[in-house]
Amino acid sequence: MTTTLYQRLGGAKGIAAIVDDVMTAHLNNPAVKARFENIEDMDHAKKMACDFFCAGTGGPETYTGKDMLTAHKGMNISEQEYLAVMDDTVAAMEKNGVNEDAKNDVIATLYSLKDQIIRV
């Protein structure tokens, strides 16, 4: 039986830990800090990120937030900011013991979304 990416990331609990570490990293990353420190409801932002991640990796959670293009439209996110977010995400996965195959699957998935995030 094949395990889903959701399962390989530790299910909802594992993904929540990764998202928490990602958001903490963003708040400490000079390249993207300003974009994240102005989020009014960080708990809601984390929940949406968790739901997005869970639903997108094969979990039972339902994502009810905006699609990526709508969420990022008008933000004019640069390539450098996108790469900083990717670096923070990889570091969070490493911190949480995600294996190389699962990390690569997440990276590929996030990379496939870049045209809906950068300079839209």
N, C-alpha and C. Protein backbone atom coordinates (compact mmCIF):
# COMPACT_ATOMS: atom_id res chain seq x y z
N MET A 1 0.83 -1.18 0.00
CA MET A 1 0.00 0.00 0.00
C MET A 1 0.88 1.26 0.00
N THR A 2 0.58 2.18 -0.87
CA THR A 2 1.34 3.42 -0.99
C THR A 2 0.86 4.42 0.04
N THR A 3 1.81 5.08 0.67
CA THR A 3 1.44 6.12 1.62
C THR A 3 1.34 7.46 0.90
N THR A 4 0.43 8.28 1.34
CA THR A 4 0.26 9.60 0.74
C THR A 4 1.34 10.55 1.27
N LEU A 5 1.51 11.64 0.58
CA LEU A 5 2.43 12.67 1.06
C LEU A 5 1.96 13.17 2.42
N TYR A 6 0.67 13.29 2.59
CA TYR A 6 0.08 13.68 3.88
C TYR A 6 0.60 12.77 5.00
N GLN A 7 0.55 11.48 4.77
CA GLN A 7 1.02 10.52 5.77
C GLN A 7 2.53 10.65 5.98
N ARG A 8 3.26 10.83 4.90
CA ARG A 8 4.73 10.94 5.00
C ARG A 8 5.16 12.21 5.72
N LEU A 9 4.29 13.23 5.72
CA LEU A 9 4.59 14.47 6.44
C LEU A 9 4.13 14.42 7.89
N GLY A 10 3.54 13.31 8.28
CA GLY A 10 3.10 13.16 9.67
C GLY A 10 1.65 13.53 9.91
N GLY A 11 0.86 13.56 8.83
CA GLY A 11 -0.56 13.89 8.98
C GLY A 11 -0.76 15.32 9.44
N ALA A 12 -1.94 15.60 9.96
CA ALA A 12 -2.29 16.97 10.36
C ALA A 12 -1.34 17.50 11.43
N LYS A 13 -0.95 16.65 12.36
CA LYS A 13 -0.05 17.09 13.43
C LYS A 13 1.33 17.46 12.89
N GLY A 14 1.86 16.63 12.01
CA GLY A 14 3.17 16.91 11.42
C GLY A 14 3.15 18.15 10.55
N ILE A 15 2.09 18.29 9.77
CA ILE A 15 1.97 19.46 8.89
C ILE A 15 1.80 20.73 9.72
N ALA A 16 1.04 20.66 10.81
CA ALA A 16 0.88 21.84 11.68
C ALA A 16 2.22 22.27 12.26
N ALA A 17 3.05 21.33 12.64
CA ALA A 17 4.38 21.66 13.17
C ALA A 17 5.25 22.31 12.10
N ILE A 18 5.17 21.79 10.88
CA ILE A 18 5.94 22.37 9.77
C ILE A 18 5.46 23.80 9.50
N VAL A 19 4.15 23.99 9.41
CA VAL A 19 3.58 25.32 9.13
C VAL A 19 3.98 26.29 10.23
N ASP A 20 3.92 25.87 11.48
CA ASP A 20 4.30 26.74 12.59
C ASP A 20 5.76 27.18 12.44
N ASP A 21 6.64 26.24 12.12
CA ASP A 21 8.05 26.57 11.94
C ASP A 21 8.28 27.44 10.71
N VAL A 22 7.51 27.21 9.66
CA VAL A 22 7.63 28.04 8.45
C VAL A 22 7.25 29.48 8.78
N MET A 23 6.13 29.67 9.46
CA MET A 23 5.68 31.04 9.78
C MET A 23 6.68 31.74 10.71
N THR A 24 7.22 31.01 11.66
CA THR A 24 8.24 31.59 12.55
C THR A 24 9.46 32.00 11.73
N ALA A 25 9.86 31.15 10.81
CA ALA A 25 11.01 31.48 9.96
C ALA A 25 10.74 32.71 9.10
N HIS A 26 9.53 32.79 8.54
CA HIS A 26 9.19 33.96 7.71
C HIS A 26 9.28 35.25 8.53
N LEU A 27 8.84 35.19 9.77
CA LEU A 27 8.86 36.38 10.64
C LEU A 27 10.27 36.80 11.01
N ASN A 28 11.22 35.89 10.82
CA ASN A 28 12.62 36.19 11.12
C ASN A 28 13.47 36.35 9.87
N ASN A 29 12.87 36.22 8.71
CA ASN A 29 13.60 36.29 7.45
C ASN A 29 13.48 37.71 6.88
N PRO A 30 14.58 38.45 6.83
CA PRO A 30 14.51 39.84 6.35
C PRO A 30 13.90 39.99 4.95
N ALA A 31 14.01 38.96 4.14
CA ALA A 31 13.50 39.05 2.76
C ALA A 31 11.97 39.07 2.71
N VAL A 32 11.31 38.49 3.71
CA VAL A 32 9.84 38.40 3.68
C VAL A 32 9.17 38.84 4.98
N LYS A 33 9.94 39.21 5.95
CA LYS A 33 9.42 39.56 7.27
C LYS A 33 8.28 40.58 7.20
N ALA A 34 8.47 41.63 6.42
CA ALA A 34 7.46 42.69 6.34
C ALA A 34 6.11 42.18 5.84
N ARG A 35 6.13 41.20 4.98
CA ARG A 35 4.87 40.65 4.45
C ARG A 35 4.12 39.85 5.52
N PHE A 36 4.84 39.25 6.44
CA PHE A 36 4.22 38.37 7.42
C PHE A 36 3.94 39.04 8.76
N GLU A 37 4.73 40.04 9.13
CA GLU A 37 4.52 40.66 10.43
C GLU A 37 3.26 41.52 10.47
N ASN A 38 2.70 41.82 9.31
CA ASN A 38 1.47 42.63 9.26
C ASN A 38 0.20 41.78 9.17
N ILE A 39 0.33 40.47 9.25
CA ILE A 39 -0.85 39.61 9.24
C ILE A 39 -1.59 39.82 10.55
N GLU A 40 -2.84 40.21 10.46
CA GLU A 40 -3.62 40.54 11.67
C GLU A 40 -3.99 39.31 12.48
N ASP A 41 -4.33 38.21 11.83
CA ASP A 41 -4.76 37.00 12.53
C ASP A 41 -3.86 35.84 12.12
N MET A 42 -2.72 35.74 12.80
CA MET A 42 -1.74 34.72 12.46
C MET A 42 -2.29 33.31 12.68
N ASP A 43 -3.12 33.12 13.69
CA ASP A 43 -3.71 31.80 13.92
C ASP A 43 -4.56 31.38 12.72
N HIS A 44 -5.33 32.32 12.17
CA HIS A 44 -6.15 32.02 11.00
C HIS A 44 -5.27 31.72 9.78
N ALA A 45 -4.22 32.51 9.62
CA ALA A 45 -3.29 32.30 8.50
C ALA A 45 -2.65 30.91 8.60
N LYS A 46 -2.27 30.51 9.80
CA LYS A 46 -1.67 29.19 10.00
C LYS A 46 -2.70 28.10 9.70
N LYS A 47 -3.94 28.30 10.14
CA LYS A 47 -4.98 27.30 9.89
C LYS A 47 -5.21 27.14 8.39
N MET A 48 -5.28 28.26 7.67
CA MET A 48 -5.47 28.19 6.22
C MET A 48 -4.29 27.49 5.55
N ALA A 49 -3.08 27.80 5.99
CA ALA A 49 -1.89 27.15 5.43
C ALA A 49 -1.92 25.64 5.72
N CYS A 50 -2.30 25.28 6.94
CA CYS A 50 -2.39 23.86 7.31
C CYS A 50 -3.45 23.16 6.46
N ASP A 51 -4.63 23.77 6.35
CA ASP A 51 -5.70 23.15 5.56
C ASP A 51 -5.28 23.00 4.10
N PHE A 52 -4.63 24.02 3.55
CA PHE A 52 -4.16 23.97 2.17
C PHE A 52 -3.17 22.82 1.98
N PHE A 53 -2.20 22.76 2.90
CA PHE A 53 -1.17 21.73 2.86
C PHE A 53 -1.78 20.34 3.04
N CYS A 54 -2.66 20.22 4.02
CA CYS A 54 -3.29 18.91 4.29
C CYS A 54 -4.11 18.43 3.10
N ALA A 55 -4.98 19.29 2.62
CA ALA A 55 -5.85 18.91 1.49
C ALA A 55 -5.02 18.60 0.25
N GLY A 56 -3.98 19.38 0.02
CA GLY A 56 -3.15 19.21 -1.18
C GLY A 56 -2.23 18.01 -1.15
N THR A 57 -2.05 17.42 0.03
CA THR A 57 -1.13 16.29 0.14
C THR A 57 -1.88 14.97 0.37
N GLY A 58 -3.20 15.02 0.27
CA GLY A 58 -3.98 13.79 0.38
C GLY A 58 -4.68 13.57 1.69
N GLY A 59 -4.71 14.59 2.54
CA GLY A 59 -5.39 14.46 3.82
C GLY A 59 -6.89 14.68 3.71
N PRO A 60 -7.62 14.40 4.78
CA PRO A 60 -9.07 14.53 4.76
C PRO A 60 -9.57 15.96 4.97
N GLU A 61 -8.68 16.86 5.35
CA GLU A 61 -9.09 18.24 5.60
C GLU A 61 -9.57 18.91 4.31
N THR A 62 -10.44 19.88 4.48
CA THR A 62 -10.97 20.64 3.34
C THR A 62 -10.38 22.04 3.40
N TYR A 63 -9.88 22.50 2.29
CA TYR A 63 -9.36 23.86 2.19
C TYR A 63 -10.46 24.77 1.68
N THR A 64 -10.78 25.79 2.46
CA THR A 64 -11.87 26.71 2.10
C THR A 64 -11.36 28.11 1.77
N GLY A 65 -10.05 28.26 1.71
CA GLY A 65 -9.48 29.57 1.44
C GLY A 65 -9.45 29.90 -0.04
N LYS A 66 -8.78 31.00 -0.33
CA LYS A 66 -8.65 31.48 -1.71
C LYS A 66 -7.69 30.58 -2.49
N ASP A 67 -7.89 30.52 -3.82
CA ASP A 67 -6.91 29.83 -4.64
C ASP A 67 -5.63 30.66 -4.67
N MET A 68 -4.54 30.08 -5.08
CA MET A 68 -3.24 30.75 -5.00
C MET A 68 -3.19 32.05 -5.80
N LEU A 69 -3.76 32.06 -6.99
CA LEU A 69 -3.73 33.26 -7.81
C LEU A 69 -4.50 34.40 -7.13
N THR A 70 -5.68 34.11 -6.65
CA THR A 70 -6.49 35.14 -5.97
C THR A 70 -5.79 35.62 -4.70
N ALA A 71 -5.22 34.71 -3.94
CA ALA A 71 -4.56 35.06 -2.68
C ALA A 71 -3.35 35.96 -2.89
N HIS A 72 -2.66 35.83 -4.01
CA HIS A 72 -1.42 36.57 -4.22
C HIS A 72 -1.54 37.71 -5.24
N LYS A 73 -2.69 37.83 -5.86
CA LYS A 73 -2.91 38.87 -6.88
C LYS A 73 -2.68 40.26 -6.28
N GLY A 74 -1.89 41.06 -6.96
CA GLY A 74 -1.62 42.43 -6.54
C GLY A 74 -0.52 42.57 -5.50
N MET A 75 0.03 41.46 -5.03
CA MET A 75 1.09 41.54 -4.02
C MET A 75 2.46 41.80 -4.64
N ASN A 76 2.60 41.55 -5.95
CA ASN A 76 3.86 41.76 -6.65
C ASN A 76 5.04 41.08 -5.96
N ILE A 77 4.85 39.82 -5.64
CA ILE A 77 5.89 39.04 -4.96
C ILE A 77 7.03 38.79 -5.94
N SER A 78 8.25 39.07 -5.48
CA SER A 78 9.42 38.91 -6.34
C SER A 78 9.93 37.46 -6.31
N GLU A 79 10.78 37.18 -7.26
CA GLU A 79 11.41 35.87 -7.32
C GLU A 79 12.23 35.62 -6.06
N GLN A 80 12.92 36.66 -5.57
CA GLN A 80 13.74 36.54 -4.37
C GLN A 80 12.88 36.22 -3.15
N GLU A 81 11.72 36.87 -3.05
CA GLU A 81 10.83 36.58 -1.93
C GLU A 81 10.31 35.14 -2.02
N TYR A 82 9.94 34.72 -3.22
CA TYR A 82 9.46 33.36 -3.42
C TYR A 82 10.53 32.36 -2.99
N LEU A 83 11.77 32.58 -3.41
CA LEU A 83 12.86 31.67 -3.04
C LEU A 83 13.13 31.69 -1.54
N ALA A 84 12.98 32.85 -0.90
CA ALA A 84 13.16 32.93 0.55
C ALA A 84 12.10 32.09 1.26
N VAL A 85 10.87 32.15 0.78
CA VAL A 85 9.79 31.35 1.35
C VAL A 85 10.07 29.86 1.14
N MET A 86 10.54 29.51 -0.04
CA MET A 86 10.88 28.12 -0.31
C MET A 86 12.00 27.64 0.62
N ASP A 87 13.02 28.48 0.82
CA ASP A 87 14.13 28.12 1.71
C ASP A 87 13.63 27.91 3.13
N ASP A 88 12.74 28.80 3.59
CA ASP A 88 12.18 28.65 4.94
C ASP A 88 11.38 27.35 5.06
N THR A 89 10.67 27.01 4.00
CA THR A 89 9.86 25.79 4.00
C THR A 89 10.75 24.55 4.05
N VAL A 90 11.81 24.53 3.27
CA VAL A 90 12.74 23.41 3.28
C VAL A 90 13.39 23.28 4.67
N ALA A 91 13.81 24.39 5.25
CA ALA A 91 14.42 24.36 6.58
C ALA A 91 13.44 23.82 7.62
N ALA A 92 12.18 24.21 7.52
CA ALA A 92 11.17 23.73 8.47
C ALA A 92 10.95 22.23 8.30
N MET A 93 10.95 21.76 7.08
CA MET A 93 10.79 20.31 6.86
C MET A 93 11.99 19.56 7.42
N GLU A 94 13.19 20.10 7.22
CA GLU A 94 14.39 19.45 7.76
C GLU A 94 14.34 19.42 9.28
N LYS A 95 13.93 20.54 9.89
CA LYS A 95 13.82 20.62 11.35
C LYS A 95 12.86 19.56 11.87
N ASN A 96 11.82 19.26 11.10
CA ASN A 96 10.80 18.31 11.52
C ASN A 96 11.05 16.89 11.03
N GLY A 97 12.24 16.63 10.51
CA GLY A 97 12.64 15.28 10.16
C GLY A 97 11.97 14.69 8.93
N VAL A 98 11.51 15.55 8.01
CA VAL A 98 10.88 15.06 6.79
C VAL A 98 11.97 14.44 5.90
N ASN A 99 11.69 13.25 5.38
CA ASN A 99 12.70 12.58 4.56
C ASN A 99 12.84 13.25 3.19
N GLU A 100 13.92 12.90 2.50
CA GLU A 100 14.26 13.55 1.23
C GLU A 100 13.17 13.41 0.16
N ASP A 101 12.60 12.22 0.04
CA ASP A 101 11.56 12.02 -0.97
C ASP A 101 10.36 12.91 -0.72
N ALA A 102 9.90 12.97 0.52
CA ALA A 102 8.75 13.82 0.85
C ALA A 102 9.10 15.29 0.65
N LYS A 103 10.31 15.68 1.06
CA LYS A 103 10.75 17.08 0.85
C LYS A 103 10.73 17.43 -0.63
N ASN A 104 11.25 16.54 -1.44
CA ASN A 104 11.29 16.79 -2.88
C ASN A 104 9.88 16.89 -3.47
N ASP A 105 8.96 16.08 -2.97
CA ASP A 105 7.58 16.15 -3.44
C ASP A 105 6.94 17.49 -3.07
N VAL A 106 7.20 17.96 -1.87
CA VAL A 106 6.66 19.27 -1.45
C VAL A 106 7.28 20.38 -2.29
N ILE A 107 8.57 20.34 -2.47
CA ILE A 107 9.26 21.36 -3.27
C ILE A 107 8.70 21.39 -4.69
N ALA A 108 8.52 20.23 -5.29
CA ALA A 108 7.98 20.16 -6.65
C ALA A 108 6.57 20.74 -6.71
N THR A 109 5.78 20.43 -5.72
CA THR A 109 4.40 20.94 -5.68
C THR A 109 4.40 22.46 -5.53
N LEU A 110 5.18 22.97 -4.60
CA LEU A 110 5.23 24.42 -4.39
C LEU A 110 5.80 25.13 -5.62
N TYR A 111 6.80 24.52 -6.24
CA TYR A 111 7.39 25.11 -7.45
C TYR A 111 6.36 25.17 -8.57
N SER A 112 5.47 24.18 -8.64
CA SER A 112 4.45 24.17 -9.69
C SER A 112 3.45 25.31 -9.52
N LEU A 113 3.40 25.91 -8.35
CA LEU A 113 2.47 27.00 -8.07
C LEU A 113 3.09 28.38 -8.29
N LYS A 114 4.37 28.43 -8.61
CA LYS A 114 5.07 29.72 -8.64
C LYS A 114 4.47 30.74 -9.61
N ASP A 115 3.93 30.28 -10.72
CA ASP A 115 3.33 31.21 -11.68
C ASP A 115 2.03 31.84 -11.16
N GLN A 116 1.49 31.29 -10.10
CA GLN A 116 0.29 31.84 -9.48
C GLN A 116 0.65 32.73 -8.28
N ILE A 117 1.95 32.90 -8.04
CA ILE A 117 2.42 33.63 -6.87
C ILE A 117 3.33 34.80 -7.25
N ILE A 118 4.29 34.56 -8.13
CA ILE A 118 5.29 35.57 -8.48
C ILE A 118 4.73 36.59 -9.46
N ARG A 119 4.85 37.87 -9.09
CA ARG A 119 4.50 39.02 -9.96
C ARG A 119 3.10 38.93 -10.57
N VAL A 120 2.14 38.50 -9.77
CA VAL A 120 0.76 38.46 -10.29
C VAL A 120 -0.04 39.63 -9.74
